[in-house]
Amino acid sequence: MTQKLTPETVRVGQDGIVEWANISNESKGYVVIPAAIRSSFTCDELRPYFRADGPVYRSLPLTSFESETVRLPCPLEPGTYAYEVVVVGAGLGEASATGPEHTLKGTIVVD
């Protein structure tokens, strides 16, 4: 099974919102953004899609159901931002006891 972000780098305008969806029916994952990016958001609250988790913000789970997408809660200031999608489940969506199966790296570019 090939796991990848499509596209790996997404470009959006200043008012753009990025949304993630999982099209795999064999795994689930989480979008993880560094806490350092927090000050670049144009809103005060990242919930309901993201919550603080130590040095990062972790999204709701990306499951295989189309209705369960994750999106940025508001636009980011212009700049380039790295993020990851951590794949944690396989088969029936069970998380591995040893950690993530795979980490996909992506970039958001806000013009």
PDB file of N, CA and C in Angstrom:
ATOM      1  N   MET A   1       0.844  -1.163   0.000  1.00  0.00           N
ATOM      2  CA  MET A   1       0.000   0.000   0.000  1.00  0.00           C
ATOM      3  C   MET A   1       0.899   1.239   0.000  1.00  0.00           C
ATOM      4  N   THR A   2       0.675   2.148  -0.950  1.00  0.00           N
ATOM      5  CA  THR A   2       1.429   3.381  -1.039  1.00  0.00           C
ATOM      6  C   THR A   2       0.696   4.460  -0.263  1.00  0.00           C
ATOM      7  N   GLN A   3       1.426   5.126   0.603  1.00  0.00           N
ATOM      8  CA  GLN A   3       0.855   6.219   1.363  1.00  0.00           C
ATOM      9  C   GLN A   3       1.590   7.486   0.976  1.00  0.00           C
ATOM     10  N   LYS A   4       0.835   8.527   0.581  1.00  0.00           N
ATOM     11  CA  LYS A   4       1.472   9.778   0.205  1.00  0.00           C
ATOM     12  C   LYS A   4       0.488  10.924   0.359  1.00  0.00           C
ATOM     13  N   LEU A   5       1.046  12.116   0.455  1.00  0.00           N
ATOM     14  CA  LEU A   5       0.242  13.325   0.464  1.00  0.00           C
ATOM     15  C   LEU A   5       0.112  13.808  -0.961  1.00  0.00           C
ATOM     16  N   THR A   6      -1.074  14.205  -1.325  1.00  0.00           N
ATOM     17  CA  THR A   6      -1.286  14.746  -2.669  1.00  0.00           C
ATOM     18  C   THR A   6      -2.060  16.039  -2.546  1.00  0.00           C
ATOM     19  N   PRO A   7      -1.433  17.176  -2.819  1.00  0.00           N
ATOM     20  CA  PRO A   7      -0.018  17.374  -3.123  1.00  0.00           C
ATOM     21  C   PRO A   7       0.811  17.454  -1.839  1.00  0.00           C
ATOM     22  N   GLU A   8       2.108  17.268  -1.967  1.00  0.00           N
ATOM     23  CA  GLU A   8       2.998  17.399  -0.808  1.00  0.00           C
ATOM     24  C   GLU A   8       3.143  18.861  -0.399  1.00  0.00           C
ATOM     25  N   THR A   9       3.148  19.741  -1.391  1.00  0.00           N
ATOM     26  CA  THR A   9       3.184  21.185  -1.129  1.00  0.00           C
ATOM     27  C   THR A   9       1.914  21.792  -1.697  1.00  0.00           C
ATOM     28  N   VAL A  10       1.189  22.479  -0.836  1.00  0.00           N
ATOM     29  CA  VAL A  10      -0.041  23.134  -1.263  1.00  0.00           C
ATOM     30  C   VAL A  10       0.154  24.641  -1.151  1.00  0.00           C
ATOM     31  N   ARG A  11      -0.280  25.369  -2.191  1.00  0.00           N
ATOM     32  CA  ARG A  11      -0.194  26.829  -2.199  1.00  0.00           C
ATOM     33  C   ARG A  11      -1.605  27.377  -2.067  1.00  0.00           C
ATOM     34  N   VAL A  12      -1.767  28.315  -1.148  1.00  0.00           N
ATOM     35  CA  VAL A  12      -3.060  28.969  -0.965  1.00  0.00           C
ATOM     36  C   VAL A  12      -2.844  30.472  -0.843  1.00  0.00           C
ATOM     37  N   GLY A  13      -3.892  31.224  -1.124  1.00  0.00           N
ATOM     38  CA  GLY A  13      -3.853  32.670  -0.938  1.00  0.00           C
ATOM     39  C   GLY A  13      -4.003  33.008   0.535  1.00  0.00           C
ATOM     40  N   GLN A  14      -3.914  34.299   0.855  1.00  0.00           N
ATOM     41  CA  GLN A  14      -3.975  34.745   2.247  1.00  0.00           C
ATOM     42  C   GLN A  14      -5.245  34.323   2.963  1.00  0.00           C
ATOM     43  N   ASP A  15      -6.335  34.164   2.277  1.00  0.00           N
ATOM     44  CA  ASP A  15      -7.587  33.765   2.920  1.00  0.00           C
ATOM     45  C   ASP A  15      -7.872  32.280   2.747  1.00  0.00           C
ATOM     46  N   GLY A  16      -6.893  31.532   2.239  1.00  0.00           N
ATOM     47  CA  GLY A  16      -7.094  30.120   1.937  1.00  0.00           C
ATOM     48  C   GLY A  16      -7.119  29.235   3.164  1.00  0.00           C
ATOM     49  N   ILE A  17      -7.877  28.165   3.048  1.00  0.00           N
ATOM     50  CA  ILE A  17      -7.975  27.161   4.106  1.00  0.00           C
ATOM     51  C   ILE A  17      -7.556  25.819   3.502  1.00  0.00           C
ATOM     52  N   VAL A  18      -6.744  25.081   4.215  1.00  0.00           N
ATOM     53  CA  VAL A  18      -6.304  23.760   3.766  1.00  0.00           C
ATOM     54  C   VAL A  18      -7.162  22.713   4.468  1.00  0.00           C
ATOM     55  N   GLU A  19      -7.537  21.696   3.696  1.00  0.00           N
ATOM     56  CA  GLU A  19      -8.347  20.603   4.235  1.00  0.00           C
ATOM     57  C   GLU A  19      -7.694  19.281   3.861  1.00  0.00           C
ATOM     58  N   TRP A  20      -7.714  18.327   4.796  1.00  0.00           N
ATOM     59  CA  TRP A  20      -7.139  17.009   4.571  1.00  0.00           C
ATOM     60  C   TRP A  20      -8.243  15.962   4.615  1.00  0.00           C
ATOM     61  N   ALA A  21      -8.122  14.965   3.768  1.00  0.00           N
ATOM     62  CA  ALA A  21      -9.039  13.826   3.786  1.00  0.00           C
ATOM     63  C   ALA A  21      -8.214  12.566   3.576  1.00  0.00           C
ATOM     64  N   ASN A  22      -8.611  11.512   4.245  1.00  0.00           N
ATOM     65  CA  ASN A  22      -7.951  10.218   4.117  1.00  0.00           C
ATOM     66  C   ASN A  22      -8.751   9.381   3.129  1.00  0.00           C
ATOM     67  N   ILE A  23      -8.118   8.918   2.063  1.00  0.00           N
ATOM     68  CA  ILE A  23      -8.828   8.081   1.094  1.00  0.00           C
ATOM     69  C   ILE A  23      -8.469   6.604   1.241  1.00  0.00           C
ATOM     70  N   SER A  24      -7.699   6.288   2.265  1.00  0.00           N
ATOM     71  CA  SER A  24      -7.350   4.895   2.533  1.00  0.00           C
ATOM     72  C   SER A  24      -8.400   4.269   3.441  1.00  0.00           C
ATOM     73  N   ASN A  25      -8.787   3.049   3.138  1.00  0.00           N
ATOM     74  CA  ASN A  25      -9.719   2.362   4.030  1.00  0.00           C
ATOM     75  C   ASN A  25      -8.964   1.396   4.947  1.00  0.00           C
ATOM     76  N   GLU A  26      -7.628   1.483   4.957  1.00  0.00           N
ATOM     77  CA  GLU A  26      -6.818   0.569   5.746  1.00  0.00           C
ATOM     78  C   GLU A  26      -6.013   1.251   6.842  1.00  0.00           C
ATOM     79  N   SER A  27      -6.103   2.565   6.949  1.00  0.00           N
ATOM     80  CA  SER A  27      -5.316   3.248   7.973  1.00  0.00           C
ATOM     81  C   SER A  27      -6.006   4.537   8.394  1.00  0.00           C
ATOM     82  N   LYS A  28      -5.514   5.103   9.476  1.00  0.00           N
ATOM     83  CA  LYS A  28      -5.956   6.421   9.897  1.00  0.00           C
ATOM     84  C   LYS A  28      -4.728   7.207  10.288  1.00  0.00           C
ATOM     85  N   GLY A  29      -4.890   8.489  10.457  1.00  0.00           N
ATOM     86  CA  GLY A  29      -3.747   9.309  10.800  1.00  0.00           C
ATOM     87  C   GLY A  29      -4.172  10.601  11.455  1.00  0.00           C
ATOM     88  N   TYR A  30      -3.169  11.440  11.714  1.00  0.00           N
ATOM     89  CA  TYR A  30      -3.370  12.732  12.351  1.00  0.00           C
ATOM     90  C   TYR A  30      -2.495  13.761  11.654  1.00  0.00           C
ATOM     91  N   VAL A  31      -3.013  14.964  11.454  1.00  0.00           N
ATOM     92  CA  VAL A  31      -2.193  16.070  10.985  1.00  0.00           C
ATOM     93  C   VAL A  31      -1.521  16.655  12.215  1.00  0.00           C
ATOM     94  N   VAL A  32      -0.220  16.872  12.124  1.00  0.00           N
ATOM     95  CA  VAL A  32       0.550  17.391  13.247  1.00  0.00           C
ATOM     96  C   VAL A  32       1.269  18.653  12.778  1.00  0.00           C
ATOM     97  N   ILE A  33       1.005  19.756  13.490  1.00  0.00           N
ATOM     98  CA  ILE A  33       1.675  21.018  13.167  1.00  0.00           C
ATOM     99  C   ILE A  33       2.487  21.464  14.383  1.00  0.00           C
ATOM    100  N   PRO A  34       3.678  22.018  14.153  1.00  0.00           N
ATOM    101  CA  PRO A  34       4.504  22.473  15.272  1.00  0.00           C
ATOM    102  C   PRO A  34       3.818  23.617  16.020  1.00  0.00           C
ATOM    103  N   ALA A  35       3.973  23.646  17.320  1.00  0.00           N
ATOM    104  CA  ALA A  35       3.383  24.708  18.139  1.00  0.00           C
ATOM    105  C   ALA A  35       3.909  26.083  17.734  1.00  0.00           C
ATOM    106  N   ALA A  36       5.107  26.135  17.170  1.00  0.00           N
ATOM    107  CA  ALA A  36       5.688  27.415  16.746  1.00  0.00           C
ATOM    108  C   ALA A  36       4.844  28.109  15.674  1.00  0.00           C
ATOM    109  N   ILE A  37       4.046  27.361  14.942  1.00  0.00           N
ATOM    110  CA  ILE A  37       3.191  27.929  13.900  1.00  0.00           C
ATOM    111  C   ILE A  37       1.982  28.637  14.507  1.00  0.00           C
ATOM    112  N   ARG A  38       1.655  28.336  15.732  1.00  0.00           N
ATOM    113  CA  ARG A  38       0.430  28.831  16.372  1.00  0.00           C
ATOM    114  C   ARG A  38       0.242  30.336  16.203  1.00  0.00           C
ATOM    115  N   SER A  39       1.280  31.116  16.366  1.00  0.00           N
ATOM    116  CA  SER A  39       1.167  32.573  16.277  1.00  0.00           C
ATOM    117  C   SER A  39       0.890  33.065  14.858  1.00  0.00           C
ATOM    118  N   SER A  40       1.019  32.212  13.859  1.00  0.00           N
ATOM    119  CA  SER A  40       0.767  32.594  12.469  1.00  0.00           C
ATOM    120  C   SER A  40      -0.678  32.400  12.046  1.00  0.00           C
ATOM    121  N   PHE A  41      -1.499  31.792  12.899  1.00  0.00           N
ATOM    122  CA  PHE A  41      -2.921  31.652  12.592  1.00  0.00           C
ATOM    123  C   PHE A  41      -3.630  32.979  12.815  1.00  0.00           C
ATOM    124  N   THR A  42      -4.660  33.250  12.028  1.00  0.00           N
ATOM    125  CA  THR A  42      -5.402  34.506  12.137  1.00  0.00           C
ATOM    126  C   THR A  42      -6.581  34.405  13.105  1.00  0.00           C
ATOM    127  N   CYS A  43      -6.690  33.297  13.836  1.00  0.00           N
ATOM    128  CA  CYS A  43      -7.758  33.134  14.823  1.00  0.00           C
ATOM    129  C   CYS A  43      -7.151  32.745  16.168  1.00  0.00           C
ATOM    130  N   ASP A  44      -7.949  32.880  17.207  1.00  0.00           N
ATOM    131  CA  ASP A  44      -7.468  32.579  18.550  1.00  0.00           C
ATOM    132  C   ASP A  44      -7.610  31.115  18.940  1.00  0.00           C
ATOM    133  N   GLU A  45      -8.550  30.413  18.338  1.00  0.00           N
ATOM    134  CA  GLU A  45      -8.868  29.044  18.752  1.00  0.00           C
ATOM    135  C   GLU A  45      -8.673  28.072  17.593  1.00  0.00           C
ATOM    136  N   LEU A  46      -7.935  26.987  17.819  1.00  0.00           N
ATOM    137  CA  LEU A  46      -7.703  25.987  16.773  1.00  0.00           C
ATOM    138  C   LEU A  46      -8.678  24.816  16.865  1.00  0.00           C
ATOM    139  N   ARG A  47      -9.476  24.780  17.915  1.00  0.00           N
ATOM    140  CA  ARG A  47     -10.499  23.744  18.039  1.00  0.00           C
ATOM    141  C   ARG A  47     -11.640  24.077  17.107  1.00  0.00           C
ATOM    142  N   PRO A  48     -12.369  23.161  16.586  1.00  0.00           N
ATOM    143  CA  PRO A  48     -12.447  21.778  17.027  1.00  0.00           C
ATOM    144  C   PRO A  48     -11.486  20.840  16.312  1.00  0.00           C
ATOM    145  N   TYR A  49     -10.782  21.312  15.291  1.00  0.00           N
ATOM    146  CA  TYR A  49      -9.975  20.399  14.486  1.00  0.00           C
ATOM    147  C   TYR A  49      -8.621  20.055  15.098  1.00  0.00           C
ATOM    148  N   PHE A  50      -8.025  20.965  15.875  1.00  0.00           N
ATOM    149  CA  PHE A  50      -6.696  20.739  16.441  1.00  0.00           C
ATOM    150  C   PHE A  50      -6.704  20.993  17.948  1.00  0.00           C
ATOM    151  N   ARG A  51      -5.848  20.245  18.653  1.00  0.00           N
ATOM    152  CA  ARG A  51      -5.682  20.470  20.091  1.00  0.00           C
ATOM    153  C   ARG A  51      -4.193  20.407  20.415  1.00  0.00           C
ATOM    154  N   ALA A  52      -3.806  21.143  21.455  1.00  0.00           N
ATOM    155  CA  ALA A  52      -2.415  21.160  21.887  1.00  0.00           C
ATOM    156  C   ALA A  52      -2.027  19.782  22.407  1.00  0.00           C
ATOM    157  N   ASP A  53      -0.829  19.342  22.034  1.00  0.00           N
ATOM    158  CA  ASP A  53      -0.307  18.047  22.477  1.00  0.00           C
ATOM    159  C   ASP A  53       1.201  18.204  22.655  1.00  0.00           C
ATOM    160  N   GLY A  54       1.606  18.807  23.778  1.00  0.00           N
ATOM    161  CA  GLY A  54       3.029  19.060  24.012  1.00  0.00           C
ATOM    162  C   GLY A  54       3.560  20.097  23.045  1.00  0.00           C
ATOM    163  N   PRO A  55       4.633  19.787  22.304  1.00  0.00           N
ATOM    164  CA  PRO A  55       5.242  20.760  21.405  1.00  0.00           C
ATOM    165  C   PRO A  55       4.563  20.857  20.037  1.00  0.00           C
ATOM    166  N   VAL A  56       3.404  20.219  19.895  1.00  0.00           N
ATOM    167  CA  VAL A  56       2.696  20.224  18.611  1.00  0.00           C
ATOM    168  C   VAL A  56       1.200  20.422  18.837  1.00  0.00           C
ATOM    169  N   TYR A  57       0.511  20.648  17.733  1.00  0.00           N
ATOM    170  CA  TYR A  57      -0.949  20.600  17.711  1.00  0.00           C
ATOM    171  C   TYR A  57      -1.316  19.394  16.867  1.00  0.00           C
ATOM    172  N   ARG A  58      -2.191  18.557  17.388  1.00  0.00           N
ATOM    173  CA  ARG A  58      -2.599  17.318  16.723  1.00  0.00           C
ATOM    174  C   ARG A  58      -4.068  17.450  16.311  1.00  0.00           C
ATOM    175  N   SER A  59      -4.365  16.982  15.108  1.00  0.00           N
ATOM    176  CA  SER A  59      -5.733  17.078  14.594  1.00  0.00           C
ATOM    177  C   SER A  59      -6.618  15.957  15.115  1.00  0.00           C
ATOM    178  N   LEU A  60      -7.885  16.103  14.841  1.00  0.00           N
ATOM    179  CA  LEU A  60      -8.802  14.986  14.993  1.00  0.00           C
ATOM    180  C   LEU A  60      -8.301  13.873  14.082  1.00  0.00           C
ATOM    181  N   PRO A  61      -8.715  12.637  14.294  1.00  0.00           N
ATOM    182  CA  PRO A  61      -8.247  11.558  13.421  1.00  0.00           C
ATOM    183  C   PRO A  61      -8.750  11.716  11.989  1.00  0.00           C
ATOM    184  N   LEU A  62      -7.867  11.413  11.067  1.00  0.00           N
ATOM    185  CA  LEU A  62      -8.230  11.318   9.650  1.00  0.00           C
ATOM    186  C   LEU A  62      -8.619   9.871   9.407  1.00  0.00           C
ATOM    187  N   THR A  63      -9.899   9.627   9.289  1.00  0.00           N
ATOM    188  CA  THR A  63     -10.362   8.273   9.042  1.00  0.00           C
ATOM    189  C   THR A  63     -10.720   8.126   7.576  1.00  0.00           C
ATOM    190  N   SER A  64     -11.228   6.996   7.198  1.00  0.00           N
ATOM    191  CA  SER A  64     -11.543   6.755   5.792  1.00  0.00           C
ATOM    192  C   SER A  64     -12.928   7.255   5.411  1.00  0.00           C
ATOM    193  N   PHE A  65     -13.641   7.882   6.337  1.00  0.00           N
ATOM    194  CA  PHE A  65     -14.977   8.372   6.020  1.00  0.00           C
ATOM    195  C   PHE A  65     -14.888   9.799   5.494  1.00  0.00           C
ATOM    196  N   GLU A  66     -15.452  10.031   4.312  1.00  0.00           N
ATOM    197  CA  GLU A  66     -15.337  11.331   3.667  1.00  0.00           C
ATOM    198  C   GLU A  66     -15.864  12.463   4.551  1.00  0.00           C
ATOM    199  N   SER A  67     -16.847  12.185   5.372  1.00  0.00           N
ATOM    200  CA  SER A  67     -17.422  13.227   6.216  1.00  0.00           C
ATOM    201  C   SER A  67     -16.496  13.631   7.359  1.00  0.00           C
ATOM    202  N   GLU A  68     -15.449  12.871   7.580  1.00  0.00           N
ATOM    203  CA  GLU A  68     -14.538  13.153   8.680  1.00  0.00           C
ATOM    204  C   GLU A  68     -13.239  13.760   8.173  1.00  0.00           C
ATOM    205  N   THR A  69     -13.329  14.914   7.538  1.00  0.00           N
ATOM    206  CA  THR A  69     -12.140  15.614   7.083  1.00  0.00           C
ATOM    207  C   THR A  69     -11.644  16.519   8.194  1.00  0.00           C
ATOM    208  N   VAL A  70     -10.425  16.962   8.056  1.00  0.00           N
ATOM    209  CA  VAL A  70      -9.809  17.897   8.993  1.00  0.00           C
ATOM    210  C   VAL A  70      -9.412  19.116   8.190  1.00  0.00           C
ATOM    211  N   ARG A  71      -9.610  20.289   8.771  1.00  0.00           N
ATOM    212  CA  ARG A  71      -9.226  21.512   8.070  1.00  0.00           C
ATOM    213  C   ARG A  71      -8.592  22.487   9.035  1.00  0.00           C
ATOM    214  N   LEU A  72      -7.845  23.418   8.472  1.00  0.00           N
ATOM    215  CA  LEU A  72      -7.327  24.494   9.298  1.00  0.00           C
ATOM    216  C   LEU A  72      -8.522  25.307   9.789  1.00  0.00           C
ATOM    217  N   PRO A  73      -8.521  25.754  11.028  1.00  0.00           N
ATOM    218  CA  PRO A  73      -9.669  26.478  11.561  1.00  0.00           C
ATOM    219  C   PRO A  73      -9.801  27.897  11.012  1.00  0.00           C
ATOM    220  N   CYS A  74      -8.700  28.422  10.457  1.00  0.00           N
ATOM    221  CA  CYS A  74      -8.679  29.774   9.906  1.00  0.00           C
ATOM    222  C   CYS A  74      -7.426  29.902   9.047  1.00  0.00           C
ATOM    223  N   PRO A  75      -7.322  30.980   8.270  1.00  0.00           N
ATOM    224  CA  PRO A  75      -6.131  31.153   7.437  1.00  0.00           C
ATOM    225  C   PRO A  75      -4.860  31.381   8.263  1.00  0.00           C
ATOM    226  N   LEU A  76      -3.745  31.101   7.618  1.00  0.00           N
ATOM    227  CA  LEU A  76      -2.412  31.395   8.159  1.00  0.00           C
ATOM    228  C   LEU A  76      -1.904  32.694   7.542  1.00  0.00           C
ATOM    229  N   GLU A  77      -1.034  33.376   8.249  1.00  0.00           N
ATOM    230  CA  GLU A  77      -0.352  34.546   7.691  1.00  0.00           C
ATOM    231  C   GLU A  77       0.533  34.071   6.531  1.00  0.00           C
ATOM    232  N   PRO A  78       0.890  34.965   5.585  1.00  0.00           N
ATOM    233  CA  PRO A  78       1.781  34.557   4.496  1.00  0.00           C
ATOM    234  C   PRO A  78       3.079  33.953   5.036  1.00  0.00           C
ATOM    235  N   GLY A  79       3.521  32.895   4.387  1.00  0.00           N
ATOM    236  CA  GLY A  79       4.741  32.212   4.797  1.00  0.00           C
ATOM    237  C   GLY A  79       4.732  30.772   4.343  1.00  0.00           C
ATOM    238  N   THR A  80       5.739  30.023   4.753  1.00  0.00           N
ATOM    239  CA  THR A  80       5.875  28.608   4.419  1.00  0.00           C
ATOM    240  C   THR A  80       5.883  27.819   5.720  1.00  0.00           C
ATOM    241  N   TYR A  81       5.036  26.793   5.780  1.00  0.00           N
ATOM    242  CA  TYR A  81       4.832  26.039   7.010  1.00  0.00           C
ATOM    243  C   TYR A  81       4.944  24.541   6.744  1.00  0.00           C
ATOM    244  N   ALA A  82       5.794  23.886   7.511  1.00  0.00           N
ATOM    245  CA  ALA A  82       5.937  22.430   7.421  1.00  0.00           C
ATOM    246  C   ALA A  82       4.952  21.776   8.385  1.00  0.00           C
ATOM    247  N   TYR A  83       4.452  20.625   7.987  1.00  0.00           N
ATOM    248  CA  TYR A  83       3.576  19.837   8.851  1.00  0.00           C
ATOM    249  C   TYR A  83       3.793  18.369   8.530  1.00  0.00           C
ATOM    250  N   GLU A  84       3.185  17.500   9.318  1.00  0.00           N
ATOM    251  CA  GLU A  84       3.270  16.060   9.078  1.00  0.00           C
ATOM    252  C   GLU A  84       1.892  15.438   9.201  1.00  0.00           C
ATOM    253  N   VAL A  85       1.716  14.347   8.492  1.00  0.00           N
ATOM    254  CA  VAL A  85       0.570  13.472   8.723  1.00  0.00           C
ATOM    255  C   VAL A  85       1.155  12.176   9.253  1.00  0.00           C
ATOM    256  N   VAL A  86       0.798  11.843  10.485  1.00  0.00           N
ATOM    257  CA  VAL A  86       1.304  10.644  11.129  1.00  0.00           C
ATOM    258  C   VAL A  86       0.266   9.539  10.942  1.00  0.00           C
ATOM    259  N   VAL A  87       0.667   8.468  10.267  1.00  0.00           N
ATOM    260  CA  VAL A  87      -0.207   7.322  10.027  1.00  0.00           C
ATOM    261  C   VAL A  87      -0.032   6.365  11.195  1.00  0.00           C
ATOM    262  N   VAL A  88      -1.120   6.074  11.913  1.00  0.00           N
ATOM    263  CA  VAL A  88      -1.014   5.284  13.137  1.00  0.00           C
ATOM    264  C   VAL A  88      -1.812   3.995  13.123  1.00  0.00           C
ATOM    265  N   GLY A  89      -2.572   3.742  12.102  1.00  0.00           N
ATOM    266  CA  GLY A  89      -3.388   2.535  12.116  1.00  0.00           C
ATOM    267  C   GLY A  89      -3.267   1.774  10.819  1.00  0.00           C
ATOM    268  N   ALA A  90      -3.523   0.511  10.880  1.00  0.00           N
ATOM    269  CA  ALA A  90      -3.516  -0.336   9.688  1.00  0.00           C
ATOM    270  C   ALA A  90      -4.582  -1.398   9.857  1.00  0.00           C
ATOM    271  N   GLY A  91      -4.908  -2.059   8.789  1.00  0.00           N
ATOM    272  CA  GLY A  91      -5.918  -3.107   8.860  1.00  0.00           C
ATOM    273  C   GLY A  91      -7.255  -2.534   9.272  1.00  0.00           C
ATOM    274  N   LEU A  92      -7.697  -2.809  10.464  1.00  0.00           N
ATOM    275  CA  LEU A  92      -8.977  -2.315  10.956  1.00  0.00           C
ATOM    276  C   LEU A  92      -8.833  -0.972  11.662  1.00  0.00           C
ATOM    277  N   GLY A  93      -7.741  -0.261  11.435  1.00  0.00           N
ATOM    278  CA  GLY A  93      -7.553   1.040  12.043  1.00  0.00           C
ATOM    279  C   GLY A  93      -6.983   0.985  13.435  1.00  0.00           C
ATOM    280  N   GLU A  94      -6.418  -0.145  13.824  1.00  0.00           N
ATOM    281  CA  GLU A  94      -5.838  -0.264  15.155  1.00  0.00           C
ATOM    282  C   GLU A  94      -4.483   0.425  15.184  1.00  0.00           C
ATOM    283  N   ALA A  95      -4.216   1.171  16.216  1.00  0.00           N
ATOM    284  CA  ALA A  95      -2.939   1.854  16.353  1.00  0.00           C
ATOM    285  C   ALA A  95      -1.856   0.853  16.724  1.00  0.00           C
ATOM    286  N   SER A  96      -0.693   1.107  16.198  1.00  0.00           N
ATOM    287  CA  SER A  96       0.450   0.256  16.521  1.00  0.00           C
ATOM    288  C   SER A  96       0.970   0.597  17.910  1.00  0.00           C
ATOM    289  N   ALA A  97       1.312  -0.415  18.679  1.00  0.00           N
ATOM    290  CA  ALA A  97       1.843  -0.193  20.021  1.00  0.00           C
ATOM    291  C   ALA A  97       3.260   0.368  19.971  1.00  0.00           C
ATOM    292  N   THR A  98       3.933   0.253  18.840  1.00  0.00           N
ATOM    293  CA  THR A  98       5.315   0.706  18.733  1.00  0.00           C
ATOM    294  C   THR A  98       5.432   2.105  18.151  1.00  0.00           C
ATOM    295  N   GLY A  99       4.335   2.756  17.849  1.00  0.00           N
ATOM    296  CA  GLY A  99       4.385   4.114  17.318  1.00  0.00           C
ATOM    297  C   GLY A  99       3.833   4.192  15.916  1.00  0.00           C
ATOM    298  N   PRO A 100       4.057   5.316  15.234  1.00  0.00           N
ATOM    299  CA  PRO A 100       3.486   5.493  13.902  1.00  0.00           C
ATOM    300  C   PRO A 100       4.089   4.528  12.895  1.00  0.00           C
ATOM    301  N   GLU A 101       3.249   4.120  11.955  1.00  0.00           N
ATOM    302  CA  GLU A 101       3.740   3.283  10.866  1.00  0.00           C
ATOM    303  C   GLU A 101       4.555   4.101   9.884  1.00  0.00           C
ATOM    304  N   HIS A 102       4.121   5.331   9.690  1.00  0.00           N
ATOM    305  CA  HIS A 102       4.700   6.141   8.622  1.00  0.00           C
ATOM    306  C   HIS A 102       4.428   7.608   8.932  1.00  0.00           C
ATOM    307  N   THR A 103       5.351   8.467   8.589  1.00  0.00           N
ATOM    308  CA  THR A 103       5.144   9.897   8.734  1.00  0.00           C
ATOM    309  C   THR A 103       5.300  10.536   7.356  1.00  0.00           C
ATOM    310  N   LEU A 104       4.269  11.244   6.945  1.00  0.00           N
ATOM    311  CA  LEU A 104       4.264  11.920   5.648  1.00  0.00           C
ATOM    312  C   LEU A 104       4.528  13.406   5.895  1.00  0.00           C
ATOM    313  N   LYS A 105       5.472  13.982   5.176  1.00  0.00           N
ATOM    314  CA  LYS A 105       5.832  15.377   5.381  1.00  0.00           C
ATOM    315  C   LYS A 105       5.222  16.236   4.278  1.00  0.00           C
ATOM    316  N   GLY A 106       4.647  17.354   4.699  1.00  0.00           N
ATOM    317  CA  GLY A 106       4.031  18.265   3.755  1.00  0.00           C
ATOM    318  C   GLY A 106       4.382  19.709   4.065  1.00  0.00           C
ATOM    319  N   THR A 107       4.030  20.587   3.126  1.00  0.00           N
ATOM    320  CA  THR A 107       4.301  22.010   3.269  1.00  0.00           C
ATOM    321  C   THR A 107       3.095  22.800   2.812  1.00  0.00           C
ATOM    322  N   ILE A 108       2.777  23.829   3.563  1.00  0.00           N
ATOM    323  CA  ILE A 108       1.738  24.794   3.176  1.00  0.00           C
ATOM    324  C   ILE A 108       2.444  26.098   2.861  1.00  0.00           C
ATOM    325  N   VAL A 109       2.186  26.651   1.669  1.00  0.00           N
ATOM    326  CA  VAL A 109       2.745  27.934   1.278  1.00  0.00           C
ATOM    327  C   VAL A 109       1.577  28.905   1.148  1.00  0.00           C
ATOM    328  N   VAL A 110       1.612  29.968   1.936  1.00  0.00           N
ATOM    329  CA  VAL A 110       0.563  30.985   1.889  1.00  0.00           C
ATOM    330  C   VAL A 110       1.152  32.213   1.220  1.00  0.00           C
ATOM    331  N   ASP A 111       0.578  32.595   0.085  1.00  0.00           N
ATOM    332  CA  ASP A 111       1.060  33.753  -0.686  1.00  0.00           C
ATOM    333  C   ASP A 111       0.401  35.038  -0.234  1.00  0.00           C
TER     334      ASP A 111
END
